[in-house]
């Protein structure tokens, strides 16, 4: 199924908070930073949350540099 398209044009004086009301509620995140519109797509299902377990498949071969130890 094709995604719906919207046609809107930037305001002449730069984006303002009230301009956000004219944007579609399509799941994207709309932010205005210094008069410019920034659009972030919604997070996909592959994101990791703070309560998700972290899995390490291989041991981490970590070596410490003795010259960096606190004195």
N, C-alpha and C. Protein backbone atom coordinates (compact mmCIF):
# COMPACT_ATOMS: atom_id res chain seq x y z
N UNK A 1 0.84 -1.18 0.00
CA UNK A 1 0.00 0.00 0.00
C UNK A 1 0.89 1.24 0.00
N UNK A 2 0.60 2.17 -0.83
CA UNK A 2 1.40 3.38 -0.95
C UNK A 2 1.18 4.30 0.24
N UNK A 3 2.24 4.99 0.62
CA UNK A 3 2.15 5.96 1.70
C UNK A 3 1.42 7.21 1.20
N UNK A 4 0.59 7.81 2.03
CA UNK A 4 -0.07 9.04 1.60
C UNK A 4 0.94 10.16 1.45
N UNK A 5 0.70 11.04 0.53
CA UNK A 5 1.58 12.18 0.35
C UNK A 5 0.84 13.45 0.73
N UNK A 6 1.58 14.41 1.21
CA UNK A 6 1.01 15.69 1.62
C UNK A 6 1.77 16.78 0.89
N UNK A 7 1.07 17.79 0.48
CA UNK A 7 1.73 18.90 -0.17
C UNK A 7 1.58 20.13 0.70
N UNK A 8 2.69 20.61 1.22
CA UNK A 8 2.69 21.84 1.98
C UNK A 8 3.97 22.57 1.68
N UNK A 9 3.92 23.84 1.85
CA UNK A 9 5.03 24.71 1.49
C UNK A 9 5.51 25.44 2.75
N UNK A 10 6.80 25.70 2.84
CA UNK A 10 7.31 26.40 4.02
C UNK A 10 6.76 27.82 4.08
N UNK A 11 6.56 28.33 5.27
CA UNK A 11 6.09 29.70 5.41
C UNK A 11 7.17 30.69 4.93
N UNK A 12 6.74 31.86 4.54
CA UNK A 12 7.68 32.86 4.01
C UNK A 12 8.60 33.42 5.08
N UNK A 13 8.16 33.49 6.32
CA UNK A 13 8.94 34.10 7.38
C UNK A 13 9.69 33.08 8.24
N UNK A 14 9.81 31.84 7.82
CA UNK A 14 10.42 30.81 8.65
C UNK A 14 9.34 30.10 9.46
N UNK A 15 9.66 28.94 9.95
CA UNK A 15 8.68 28.12 10.68
C UNK A 15 8.48 28.67 12.08
N UNK A 16 7.22 28.60 12.52
CA UNK A 16 6.85 29.01 13.88
C UNK A 16 6.03 27.91 14.51
N UNK A 17 5.85 27.98 15.80
CA UNK A 17 5.14 26.93 16.53
C UNK A 17 3.73 26.71 15.98
N UNK A 18 3.05 27.76 15.63
CA UNK A 18 1.67 27.60 15.13
C UNK A 18 1.63 26.87 13.79
N UNK A 19 2.76 26.87 13.05
CA UNK A 19 2.81 26.15 11.78
C UNK A 19 2.77 24.63 11.97
N UNK A 20 3.14 24.16 13.15
CA UNK A 20 3.11 22.72 13.42
C UNK A 20 1.69 22.16 13.34
N UNK A 21 0.70 22.98 13.61
CA UNK A 21 -0.69 22.52 13.58
C UNK A 21 -1.13 22.12 12.17
N UNK A 22 -0.48 22.68 11.15
CA UNK A 22 -0.84 22.38 9.77
C UNK A 22 -0.18 21.11 9.23
N UNK A 23 0.75 20.54 9.98
CA UNK A 23 1.47 19.36 9.52
C UNK A 23 0.67 18.09 9.84
N UNK A 24 0.85 17.04 9.04
CA UNK A 24 0.06 15.81 9.25
C UNK A 24 0.50 15.07 10.51
N UNK A 25 -0.44 14.37 11.12
CA UNK A 25 -0.14 13.50 12.26
C UNK A 25 0.17 12.11 11.69
N UNK A 26 1.37 11.98 11.14
CA UNK A 26 1.73 10.76 10.42
C UNK A 26 2.76 9.91 11.15
N UNK A 27 3.05 10.22 12.40
CA UNK A 27 4.01 9.45 13.17
C UNK A 27 5.41 10.05 13.16
N UNK A 28 5.68 10.96 12.25
CA UNK A 28 6.97 11.64 12.24
C UNK A 28 7.05 12.63 13.38
N UNK A 29 8.28 12.94 13.78
CA UNK A 29 8.48 13.96 14.81
C UNK A 29 8.89 15.24 14.11
N UNK A 30 8.15 16.30 14.34
CA UNK A 30 8.42 17.59 13.72
C UNK A 30 8.95 18.54 14.79
N UNK A 31 10.10 19.16 14.52
CA UNK A 31 10.69 20.12 15.44
C UNK A 31 11.09 21.37 14.66
N UNK A 32 10.99 22.50 15.31
CA UNK A 32 11.45 23.75 14.71
C UNK A 32 12.66 24.19 15.50
N UNK A 33 13.78 24.32 14.78
CA UNK A 33 15.02 24.74 15.40
C UNK A 33 15.52 25.96 14.63
N UNK A 34 15.60 27.09 15.30
CA UNK A 34 16.04 28.34 14.69
C UNK A 34 15.27 28.65 13.40
N UNK A 35 13.97 28.41 13.39
CA UNK A 35 13.14 28.73 12.25
C UNK A 35 13.14 27.70 11.14
N UNK A 36 13.89 26.62 11.29
CA UNK A 36 13.94 25.57 10.28
C UNK A 36 13.18 24.35 10.78
N UNK A 37 12.47 23.69 9.87
CA UNK A 37 11.71 22.50 10.22
C UNK A 37 12.61 21.28 10.10
N UNK A 38 12.64 20.46 11.16
CA UNK A 38 13.40 19.21 11.18
C UNK A 38 12.40 18.07 11.35
N UNK A 39 12.48 17.07 10.49
CA UNK A 39 11.55 15.93 10.51
C UNK A 39 12.34 14.67 10.81
N UNK A 40 11.90 13.93 11.84
CA UNK A 40 12.52 12.66 12.21
C UNK A 40 11.49 11.56 12.02
N UNK A 41 11.83 10.51 11.27
CA UNK A 41 10.86 9.43 11.09
C UNK A 41 10.64 8.66 12.39
N UNK A 42 9.51 7.97 12.51
CA UNK A 42 9.26 7.21 13.73
C UNK A 42 10.26 6.07 13.87
N UNK A 43 10.52 5.69 15.10
CA UNK A 43 11.45 4.60 15.37
C UNK A 43 10.87 3.29 14.84
N UNK A 44 11.74 2.47 14.30
CA UNK A 44 11.31 1.18 13.78
C UNK A 44 11.18 0.16 14.90
N UNK A 45 10.78 -1.03 14.55
CA UNK A 45 10.58 -2.08 15.55
C UNK A 45 11.90 -2.65 16.03
N UNK A 46 13.02 -2.30 15.40
CA UNK A 46 14.32 -2.84 15.78
C UNK A 46 15.04 -2.02 16.83
N UNK A 47 14.35 -1.06 17.44
CA UNK A 47 15.02 -0.23 18.44
C UNK A 47 15.13 -0.97 19.76
N UNK A 48 16.09 -0.56 20.57
CA UNK A 48 16.33 -1.18 21.87
C UNK A 48 15.90 -0.19 22.94
N UNK A 49 15.11 -0.66 23.87
CA UNK A 49 14.66 0.18 24.97
C UNK A 49 15.53 0.02 26.19
N UNK A 50 15.33 0.86 27.21
CA UNK A 50 16.18 0.79 28.40
C UNK A 50 16.00 -0.48 29.21
N UNK A 51 14.88 -1.17 29.06
CA UNK A 51 14.64 -2.39 29.83
C UNK A 51 14.99 -3.65 29.05
N UNK A 52 15.43 -3.50 27.80
CA UNK A 52 15.79 -4.66 26.99
C UNK A 52 17.16 -5.19 27.42
N UNK A 53 17.32 -6.52 27.45
CA UNK A 53 18.62 -7.07 27.84
C UNK A 53 19.67 -6.83 26.76
N UNK A 54 20.90 -6.67 27.19
CA UNK A 54 22.01 -6.50 26.27
C UNK A 54 22.71 -7.84 26.15
N UNK A 55 22.90 -8.29 24.93
CA UNK A 55 23.54 -9.58 24.70
C UNK A 55 24.90 -9.36 24.05
N UNK A 56 25.91 -10.00 24.60
CA UNK A 56 27.24 -9.95 24.04
C UNK A 56 27.54 -11.35 23.52
N UNK A 57 27.86 -11.45 22.24
CA UNK A 57 28.08 -12.77 21.65
C UNK A 57 29.51 -13.25 21.80
N UNK A 58 30.47 -12.35 21.96
CA UNK A 58 31.86 -12.74 22.13
C UNK A 58 32.44 -12.00 23.33
N UNK A 59 33.43 -12.60 23.98
CA UNK A 59 34.06 -11.87 25.09
C UNK A 59 34.81 -10.65 24.56
N UNK A 60 34.88 -9.64 25.36
CA UNK A 60 35.52 -8.40 24.98
C UNK A 60 36.99 -8.46 25.39
N UNK A 61 37.91 -8.56 24.44
CA UNK A 61 39.33 -8.64 24.79
C UNK A 61 39.86 -7.26 25.16
N UNK A 62 39.73 -6.90 26.42
CA UNK A 62 40.12 -5.57 26.86
C UNK A 62 41.46 -5.64 27.56
N UNK A 63 42.37 -4.78 27.15
CA UNK A 63 43.65 -4.67 27.83
C UNK A 63 43.78 -3.25 28.34
N UNK A 64 44.41 -3.11 29.48
CA UNK A 64 44.59 -1.80 30.07
C UNK A 64 46.02 -1.33 29.85
N UNK A 65 46.16 -0.08 29.53
CA UNK A 65 47.47 0.52 29.35
C UNK A 65 47.94 1.01 30.72
N UNK A 66 49.00 0.43 31.27
CA UNK A 66 49.45 0.83 32.62
C UNK A 66 49.80 2.31 32.72
N UNK A 67 50.18 2.95 31.61
CA UNK A 67 50.53 4.37 31.68
C UNK A 67 49.30 5.23 31.91
N UNK A 68 48.10 4.68 31.71
CA UNK A 68 46.88 5.46 31.90
C UNK A 68 46.28 5.27 33.28
N UNK A 69 46.86 4.41 34.12
CA UNK A 69 46.32 4.17 35.47
C UNK A 69 46.50 5.41 36.32
N UNK A 70 45.55 5.65 37.21
CA UNK A 70 45.69 6.81 38.12
C UNK A 70 46.86 6.60 39.06
N UNK A 71 47.48 7.69 39.43
CA UNK A 71 48.66 7.61 40.33
C UNK A 71 48.34 8.22 41.66
